[in-house]
Amino acid sequence: MPENILMVYAPIVLTRAFGIGRPSFRYAERLTSHNWVLRIVSSFRKKLYEIVESGTKSIYAHVQTGEVFNLMANDLFKIENMYLRVIFPSIVGWLLYVLGTLALGIFSPITALIILLVLGIDALVLPLITLSIMGRRDAQQKQVEGRIYTNLTDAVLGLQDWILAGRTTELVNRQEADFNEMGQLQTKDDHFDWWRNWVGEVVIGLAALILIVFATVTFGHTHMGVNWIAAFGLVLFPITDALTSISDGFGELPRYADSIKRLNDMDEKSQAEANAQITQVNIPEKLNIDLQDVTFSYDGKKPVLKNLNLDIPRGQHLEILGQSGAGKSTLLKLILGDETPQSGSVTIGGTPVAALQDHRAELISVLDQQPYLFDTTVSNNLKLGNLHATDAQLWQVLEQVNLKDLVEQLPEKLDTPMTEAGKRFSGGEKQRFALARILLQDTPIVILDEPTVGLDPITELAVLQTIFKTLQDKTLIWVTHHLTGVELVDQVIFIEDAKVTLSGTPEHLMKTSKRFANLLAMDHGK
């Protein structure tokens, strides 16, 4: 029988207090940590908005909407998780690891040193091993994931071709191979996690055994010996979750490294853009395009274009020829203002292209290899060229590009959905819809970036004839790799070895350049 009721009452009260206090303290800790993390992420979002806003009017601003969405929806979310699942658990685990061994040192420095070394396996060794192994596997998984996304996108967009070719089994096998590889990598991750957790539990058990032996030797001969043994044996188990969470967090750390790098790169890019802001001017009256002594290279490597001189009068139809990698697309980027030359100048009407970026949509339109048609109505797709276009204007441009009859036969005419990527239309029809969009945009300069790639010869020539007929009063800059339709242009240049090696009208080059004549004959199958 207890000598005093307090000897029973006090332990009962303390047991209840600690029982209620543990979840309460955990809730308070979670509430505080989440509040702090959300404040940090909120400041990151604000900084991201400022970064994007600061660079929106610079020709050096390469920030795309999709990139910003990815940063907001994916990277910032990962950084939030990094704080909650890596940083905070690691700090708490290491603090308990250090403070616990220091407290044990009050009773026995030797035992504290042994526990420090044993628990160090859970607190330090396993996290570092996890980081090393999971870092390599995470890189492999990213490569496989990228391949899966690419192949799936190609499969969806080209599904009809696979079906018509009777190769659906091959398509399924290719996709299954990628998914099986991803499954194997994830299985390896699961096996590693199991073994790591097993080793961690063994370490905790060994540490508990050491503490029980220590308590038995030190306090076993006292009348409270059983209590001391139980206390030292059980005190370790609440620390278990904190220690094992360190390894779990380090296993996820490689996933967050790319997000941090992208945010830092965005910040550095913003600083460069802010330093490169150029005063914008009004659209000049003369719209001739002039490139003087232009030299450009990527990342300081071998020049793609060197000392290039080119004058494109207003209304000229120019064809730019050259092999892949010769610099044709780079030349277009310089004219558009997407890139700036290391030396020389690019002007429109005597005004640097960099100073005309606010008016670029009014000056230049682009018809590229794969114009995108959105999963919305025909009308909405066309109005991307002019948001205020009337139905009468839409029908007018459709007639110009020989699509009026086709659209009139659609179930809902202009309100008919195009489906994702315009899959219901052929390649030639997609190009004509994109051309109609350009007609509505009504810019004085039109860039044609290999718009007929992938079309059969008959459709290709028909599309080219439609383009040059409807845009006959515009300045046309046409990049291509072969000579179909060359008779439609006023001037031809051939880029090779970073410079213009051939220049002249098609008729003149036919008479004076054996190489051009041979290329034309080869293109016509002669």
Foldseek 3Di string as FASTA:
>chain_A
DDPDPCVVVVVVVVVVCVVVVVVVVVVVVVVVQLVVLVVVLVVLVVVLVVLCVLQVLFLLDPDDPVNSCCLNVPQSVVVSCLSVQAVVLLVVLVVCLVVVLVVVVVVPVVLSVVLNVLLCCLNPVLQVVLLVVLLVLVVVLVVLVVVLVVLVVVCVLCVVVCVVVVNVVVSVVVNVVSVVVNVVSVVVVVVVLVVSVVSLVVSLVVSLVSQLVVLCVPQVVDPCSVVSSVCSNPVSVVSSVSSNSNNVSSNCVSVNPVSVVSSVVSNVSSVVSSVRDDAADDDAPFFKKWWAQFWADPPPDDTLAGRETDIFGFLFAEEEAEDPSSCLVVVVCLQLSSDDTPDTAIDTNPHGNRNHNVCSLQAEDEQAQQDFAAQFFLQVRLCVLPVPDDPVLLLVLCVLLVNNVVLVPDPVRRRDTCHGRSSVDDLLVSSSSVLSSNVSNDHQEYEYHAHCPPPDLVSSLSSVVSNCVSNSNHRYYYYDHACRPLQSGQKYFYGHPNYTDDIGRPVVCCVVPPVSVVRNCVRVVD
